[in-house]
């Protein structure tokens, strides 16, 4: 009896999902589909952002569509340059447009300096970015900060070009 009930439940669920798939516009971009409350297909290697919609429940869009770009810092600095503020302004627009509620700002450094110095500098960088977001209207409670110091490099060569890529602040949607 249990097997029959389970089979009927699985069959009904599969039929429901198949019916939902027929309602998705084939020419809609992921952003348009998410705004319309449709469930869109994504590849397995994409990071996703969950978007809730009252008519369909939950759908996903690619985090790449959100485009939260990193900002870069000068050696031993944590103040935001004009270019960094422009990047953060674009991030704020994307955060607000997508309705993202939980963010983590990650402070990173190059490998030069002591571990404790780099952790402290990464923390100052992350807090500087968070403060900028808060001034632009993102609620402070929605933003957490973490410092990785030199532990999460994006480049591994030992030259200035690579070091400059590691002196960054990343904003991640949770």
C-alpha atoms as a PDB file:
ATOM      1  CA  UNK A   1       0.000   0.000   0.000  1.00  0.00           C
ATOM      2  CA  UNK A   2       2.818   2.393   0.916  1.00  0.00           C
ATOM      3  CA  UNK A   3       4.596   1.708  -2.382  1.00  0.00           C
ATOM      4  CA  UNK A   4       1.432   2.500  -4.352  1.00  0.00           C
ATOM      5  CA  UNK A   5       0.878   5.747  -2.453  1.00  0.00           C
ATOM      6  CA  UNK A   6       4.534   6.725  -2.922  1.00  0.00           C
ATOM      7  CA  UNK A   7       4.324   5.932  -6.652  1.00  0.00           C
ATOM      8  CA  UNK A   8       1.178   8.063  -7.031  1.00  0.00           C
ATOM      9  CA  UNK A   9       2.805  10.941  -5.110  1.00  0.00           C
ATOM     10  CA  UNK A  10       5.990  10.822  -7.210  1.00  0.00           C
ATOM     11  CA  UNK A  11       3.959  10.596 -10.430  1.00  0.00           C
ATOM     12  CA  UNK A  12       1.806  13.578  -9.420  1.00  0.00           C
ATOM     13  CA  UNK A  13       4.918  15.617  -8.532  1.00  0.00           C
ATOM     14  CA  UNK A  14       6.565  14.753 -11.857  1.00  0.00           C
ATOM     15  CA  UNK A  15       3.420  15.686 -13.767  1.00  0.00           C
ATOM     16  CA  UNK A  16       3.207  18.996 -11.885  1.00  0.00           C
ATOM     17  CA  UNK A  17       6.814  19.834 -12.676  1.00  0.00           C
ATOM     18  CA  UNK A  18       6.330  18.928 -16.325  1.00  0.00           C
ATOM     19  CA  UNK A  19       3.313  21.218 -16.505  1.00  0.00           C
ATOM     20  CA  UNK A  20       5.278  24.074 -14.928  1.00  0.00           C
ATOM     21  CA  UNK A  21       8.040  23.631 -17.494  1.00  0.00           C
ATOM     22  CA  UNK A  22       5.574  24.231 -20.314  1.00  0.00           C
ATOM     23  CA  UNK A  23       4.736  27.683 -18.920  1.00  0.00           C
ATOM     24  CA  UNK A  24       8.299  29.030 -19.079  1.00  0.00           C
ATOM     25  CA  UNK A  25       8.935  31.436 -21.930  1.00  0.00           C
ATOM     26  CA  UNK A  26      11.747  30.004 -24.051  1.00  0.00           C
ATOM     27  CA  UNK A  27      12.985  33.440 -25.140  1.00  0.00           C
ATOM     28  CA  UNK A  28      12.968  35.043 -21.685  1.00  0.00           C
ATOM     29  CA  UNK A  29      16.273  35.960 -20.120  1.00  0.00           C
ATOM     30  CA  UNK A  30      16.911  34.567 -16.611  1.00  0.00           C
ATOM     31  CA  UNK A  31      16.275  38.033 -15.153  1.00  0.00           C
ATOM     32  CA  UNK A  32      12.956  38.419 -16.985  1.00  0.00           C
ATOM     33  CA  UNK A  33      11.893  34.917 -16.038  1.00  0.00           C
ATOM     34  CA  UNK A  34      12.775  35.506 -12.381  1.00  0.00           C
ATOM     35  CA  UNK A  35      10.803  38.766 -12.337  1.00  0.00           C
ATOM     36  CA  UNK A  36       7.872  36.925 -13.890  1.00  0.00           C
ATOM     37  CA  UNK A  37       8.128  34.264 -11.174  1.00  0.00           C
ATOM     38  CA  UNK A  38       9.079  31.461 -13.537  1.00  0.00           C
ATOM     39  CA  UNK A  39      11.508  28.668 -12.802  1.00  0.00           C
ATOM     40  CA  UNK A  40      14.441  28.930 -15.169  1.00  0.00           C
ATOM     41  CA  UNK A  41      17.002  26.301 -16.079  1.00  0.00           C
ATOM     42  CA  UNK A  42      20.623  26.826 -15.108  1.00  0.00           C
ATOM     43  CA  UNK A  43      23.746  24.825 -15.665  1.00  0.00           C
ATOM     44  CA  UNK A  44      25.105  22.773 -12.799  1.00  0.00           C
ATOM     45  CA  UNK A  45      28.262  24.866 -12.432  1.00  0.00           C
ATOM     46  CA  UNK A  46      26.549  28.237 -11.922  1.00  0.00           C
ATOM     47  CA  UNK A  47      26.067  29.843  -8.539  1.00  0.00           C
ATOM     48  CA  UNK A  48      22.441  30.738  -8.041  1.00  0.00           C
ATOM     49  CA  UNK A  49      20.463  33.387  -6.224  1.00  0.00           C
ATOM     50  CA  UNK A  50      17.051  32.357  -4.941  1.00  0.00           C
ATOM     51  CA  UNK A  51      14.214  34.741  -5.843  1.00  0.00           C
ATOM     52  CA  UNK A  52      10.843  34.305  -4.163  1.00  0.00           C
ATOM     53  CA  UNK A  53       7.672  35.217  -6.028  1.00  0.00           C
ATOM     54  CA  UNK A  54       4.199  34.920  -4.586  1.00  0.00           C
ATOM     55  CA  UNK A  55       2.663  33.424  -7.732  1.00  0.00           C
ATOM     56  CA  UNK A  56       5.181  30.598  -8.273  1.00  0.00           C
ATOM     57  CA  UNK A  57       7.124  30.324  -5.012  1.00  0.00           C
ATOM     58  CA  UNK A  58      10.847  30.114  -5.673  1.00  0.00           C
ATOM     59  CA  UNK A  59      12.927  30.534  -8.815  1.00  0.00           C
ATOM     60  CA  UNK A  60      16.605  30.935  -9.488  1.00  0.00           C
ATOM     61  CA  UNK A  61      18.760  33.292 -11.477  1.00  0.00           C
ATOM     62  CA  UNK A  62      22.455  33.188 -12.104  1.00  0.00           C
ATOM     63  CA  UNK A  63      24.583  35.050  -9.577  1.00  0.00           C
ATOM     64  CA  UNK A  64      26.594  36.245 -12.567  1.00  0.00           C
ATOM     65  CA  UNK A  65      23.523  38.268 -13.550  1.00  0.00           C
ATOM     66  CA  UNK A  66      23.840  40.118 -10.248  1.00  0.00           C
ATOM     67  CA  UNK A  67      27.417  41.182 -11.150  1.00  0.00           C
ATOM     68  CA  UNK A  68      28.884  41.960  -7.744  1.00  0.00           C
ATOM     69  CA  UNK A  69      32.362  42.999  -8.794  1.00  0.00           C
ATOM     70  CA  UNK A  70      35.435  43.074  -6.556  1.00  0.00           C
ATOM     71  CA  UNK A  71      37.153  46.316  -5.656  1.00  0.00           C
ATOM     72  CA  UNK A  72      40.919  46.684  -5.511  1.00  0.00           C
ATOM     73  CA  UNK A  73      43.151  48.509  -3.048  1.00  0.00           C
ATOM     74  CA  UNK A  74      46.600  50.071  -3.140  1.00  0.00           C
ATOM     75  CA  UNK A  75      49.426  48.484  -1.151  1.00  0.00           C
ATOM     76  CA  UNK A  76      48.847  48.805   2.616  1.00  0.00           C
ATOM     77  CA  UNK A  77      45.662  50.851   2.037  1.00  0.00           C
ATOM     78  CA  UNK A  78      42.023  50.364   2.946  1.00  0.00           C
ATOM     79  CA  UNK A  79      40.537  53.620   1.693  1.00  0.00           C
ATOM     80  CA  UNK A  80      38.307  53.430  -1.360  1.00  0.00           C
ATOM     81  CA  UNK A  81      39.585  54.981  -4.567  1.00  0.00           C
ATOM     82  CA  UNK A  82      37.295  56.776  -7.013  1.00  0.00           C
ATOM     83  CA  UNK A  83      37.323  53.649  -9.217  1.00  0.00           C
ATOM     84  CA  UNK A  84      36.439  51.433  -6.252  1.00  0.00           C
ATOM     85  CA  UNK A  85      33.501  53.676  -5.321  1.00  0.00           C
ATOM     86  CA  UNK A  86      32.218  53.493  -8.917  1.00  0.00           C
ATOM     87  CA  UNK A  87      32.352  49.679  -8.771  1.00  0.00           C
ATOM     88  CA  UNK A  88      30.544  49.687  -5.433  1.00  0.00           C
ATOM     89  CA  UNK A  89      27.865  52.029  -6.823  1.00  0.00           C
ATOM     90  CA  UNK A  90      27.203  49.446  -9.560  1.00  0.00           C
ATOM     91  CA  UNK A  91      27.124  46.707  -6.913  1.00  0.00           C
ATOM     92  CA  UNK A  92      24.570  48.683  -4.878  1.00  0.00           C
ATOM     93  CA  UNK A  93      22.353  49.059  -7.944  1.00  0.00           C
ATOM     94  CA  UNK A  94      22.554  45.289  -8.592  1.00  0.00           C
ATOM     95  CA  UNK A  95      21.894  44.453  -4.919  1.00  0.00           C
ATOM     96  CA  UNK A  96      18.813  46.656  -4.835  1.00  0.00           C
ATOM     97  CA  UNK A  97      17.551  45.511  -8.241  1.00  0.00           C
ATOM     98  CA  UNK A  98      17.806  41.851  -7.284  1.00  0.00           C
ATOM     99  CA  UNK A  99      16.505  42.368  -3.759  1.00  0.00           C
ATOM    100  CA  UNK A 100      19.495  40.644  -2.190  1.00  0.00           C
ATOM    101  CA  UNK A 101      19.162  40.559   1.587  1.00  0.00           C
ATOM    102  CA  UNK A 102      22.228  38.751   2.930  1.00  0.00           C
ATOM    103  CA  UNK A 103      25.706  39.775   1.835  1.00  0.00           C
ATOM    104  CA  UNK A 104      29.207  38.976   3.004  1.00  0.00           C
ATOM    105  CA  UNK A 105      32.050  41.382   2.301  1.00  0.00           C
ATOM    106  CA  UNK A 106      35.398  39.599   2.211  1.00  0.00           C
ATOM    107  CA  UNK A 107      38.626  41.521   2.786  1.00  0.00           C
ATOM    108  CA  UNK A 108      41.735  40.119   1.099  1.00  0.00           C
ATOM    109  CA  UNK A 109      45.423  41.009   0.995  1.00  0.00           C
ATOM    110  CA  UNK A 110      48.499  39.981  -0.931  1.00  0.00           C
ATOM    111  CA  UNK A 111      50.996  37.651   0.727  1.00  0.00           C
ATOM    112  CA  UNK A 112      53.388  40.363   1.888  1.00  0.00           C
ATOM    113  CA  UNK A 113      53.248  41.320   5.551  1.00  0.00           C
ATOM    114  CA  UNK A 114      52.625  39.229   8.640  1.00  0.00           C
ATOM    115  CA  UNK A 115      49.545  37.063   9.025  1.00  0.00           C
ATOM    116  CA  UNK A 116      48.153  39.267  11.802  1.00  0.00           C
ATOM    117  CA  UNK A 117      48.806  42.457   9.815  1.00  0.00           C
ATOM    118  CA  UNK A 118      47.033  41.044   6.746  1.00  0.00           C
ATOM    119  CA  UNK A 119      44.050  39.830   8.787  1.00  0.00           C
ATOM    120  CA  UNK A 120      43.733  43.305  10.303  1.00  0.00           C
ATOM    121  CA  UNK A 121      44.110  45.056   6.936  1.00  0.00           C
ATOM    122  CA  UNK A 122      41.602  42.702   5.279  1.00  0.00           C
ATOM    123  CA  UNK A 123      39.135  43.468   8.082  1.00  0.00           C
ATOM    124  CA  UNK A 124      39.565  47.219   7.567  1.00  0.00           C
ATOM    125  CA  UNK A 125      39.000  46.798   3.829  1.00  0.00           C
ATOM    126  CA  UNK A 126      35.839  44.752   4.353  1.00  0.00           C
ATOM    127  CA  UNK A 127      34.486  47.247   6.914  1.00  0.00           C
ATOM    128  CA  UNK A 128      35.215  50.166   4.578  1.00  0.00           C
ATOM    129  CA  UNK A 129      33.174  48.473   1.834  1.00  0.00           C
ATOM    130  CA  UNK A 130      30.355  47.650   4.256  1.00  0.00           C
ATOM    131  CA  UNK A 131      30.272  51.265   5.479  1.00  0.00           C
ATOM    132  CA  UNK A 132      30.009  52.459   1.879  1.00  0.00           C
ATOM    133  CA  UNK A 133      27.111  50.100   1.214  1.00  0.00           C
ATOM    134  CA  UNK A 134      25.346  51.307   4.367  1.00  0.00           C
ATOM    135  CA  UNK A 135      25.781  54.957   3.308  1.00  0.00           C
ATOM    136  CA  UNK A 136      24.180  53.976  -0.026  1.00  0.00           C
ATOM    137  CA  UNK A 137      21.103  52.482   1.665  1.00  0.00           C
ATOM    138  CA  UNK A 138      21.902  48.806   2.201  1.00  0.00           C
ATOM    139  CA  UNK A 139      20.875  47.861   5.780  1.00  0.00           C
ATOM    140  CA  UNK A 140      23.862  47.184   8.023  1.00  0.00           C
ATOM    141  CA  UNK A 141      22.172  44.086   9.452  1.00  0.00           C
ATOM    142  CA  UNK A 142      22.164  42.532   5.952  1.00  0.00           C
ATOM    143  CA  UNK A 143      25.954  42.739   5.606  1.00  0.00           C
ATOM    144  CA  UNK A 144      28.527  40.633   7.409  1.00  0.00           C
ATOM    145  CA  UNK A 145      32.279  41.085   7.049  1.00  0.00           C
ATOM    146  CA  UNK A 146      35.121  38.611   7.113  1.00  0.00           C
ATOM    147  CA  UNK A 147      38.851  39.008   6.618  1.00  0.00           C
ATOM    148  CA  UNK A 148      40.773  36.289   4.846  1.00  0.00           C
ATOM    149  CA  UNK A 149      44.039  38.191   4.966  1.00  0.00           C
ATOM    150  CA  UNK A 150      46.302  36.459   2.477  1.00  0.00           C
ATOM    151  CA  UNK A 151      44.462  33.117   2.636  1.00  0.00           C
ATOM    152  CA  UNK A 152      42.243  33.447  -0.490  1.00  0.00           C
ATOM    153  CA  UNK A 153      44.459  34.697  -3.307  1.00  0.00           C
ATOM    154  CA  UNK A 154      42.986  34.950  -6.782  1.00  0.00           C
ATOM    155  CA  UNK A 155      46.450  34.976  -8.344  1.00  0.00           C
ATOM    156  CA  UNK A 156      49.457  32.907  -7.268  1.00  0.00           C
ATOM    157  CA  UNK A 157      52.459  34.422  -9.049  1.00  0.00           C
ATOM    158  CA  UNK A 158      55.016  36.452  -7.134  1.00  0.00           C
ATOM    159  CA  UNK A 159      54.895  39.782  -8.988  1.00  0.00           C
ATOM    160  CA  UNK A 160      53.220  43.155  -8.555  1.00  0.00           C
ATOM    161  CA  UNK A 161      50.509  42.489 -11.133  1.00  0.00           C
ATOM    162  CA  UNK A 162      49.436  39.408  -9.231  1.00  0.00           C
ATOM    163  CA  UNK A 163      49.761  41.071  -5.820  1.00  0.00           C
ATOM    164  CA  UNK A 164      47.460  43.883  -6.986  1.00  0.00           C
ATOM    165  CA  UNK A 165      44.762  41.334  -7.898  1.00  0.00           C
ATOM    166  CA  UNK A 166      44.916  39.862  -4.380  1.00  0.00           C
ATOM    167  CA  UNK A 167      44.477  43.237  -2.641  1.00  0.00           C
ATOM    168  CA  UNK A 168      40.711  43.248  -3.005  1.00  0.00           C
ATOM    169  CA  UNK A 169      37.315  43.250  -1.386  1.00  0.00           C
ATOM    170  CA  UNK A 170      34.740  40.758  -2.635  1.00  0.00           C
ATOM    171  CA  UNK A 171      30.995  41.032  -2.085  1.00  0.00           C
ATOM    172  CA  UNK A 172      29.210  37.696  -2.011  1.00  0.00           C
ATOM    173  CA  UNK A 173      25.445  37.167  -2.013  1.00  0.00           C
ATOM    174  CA  UNK A 174      24.515  34.531   0.554  1.00  0.00           C
END
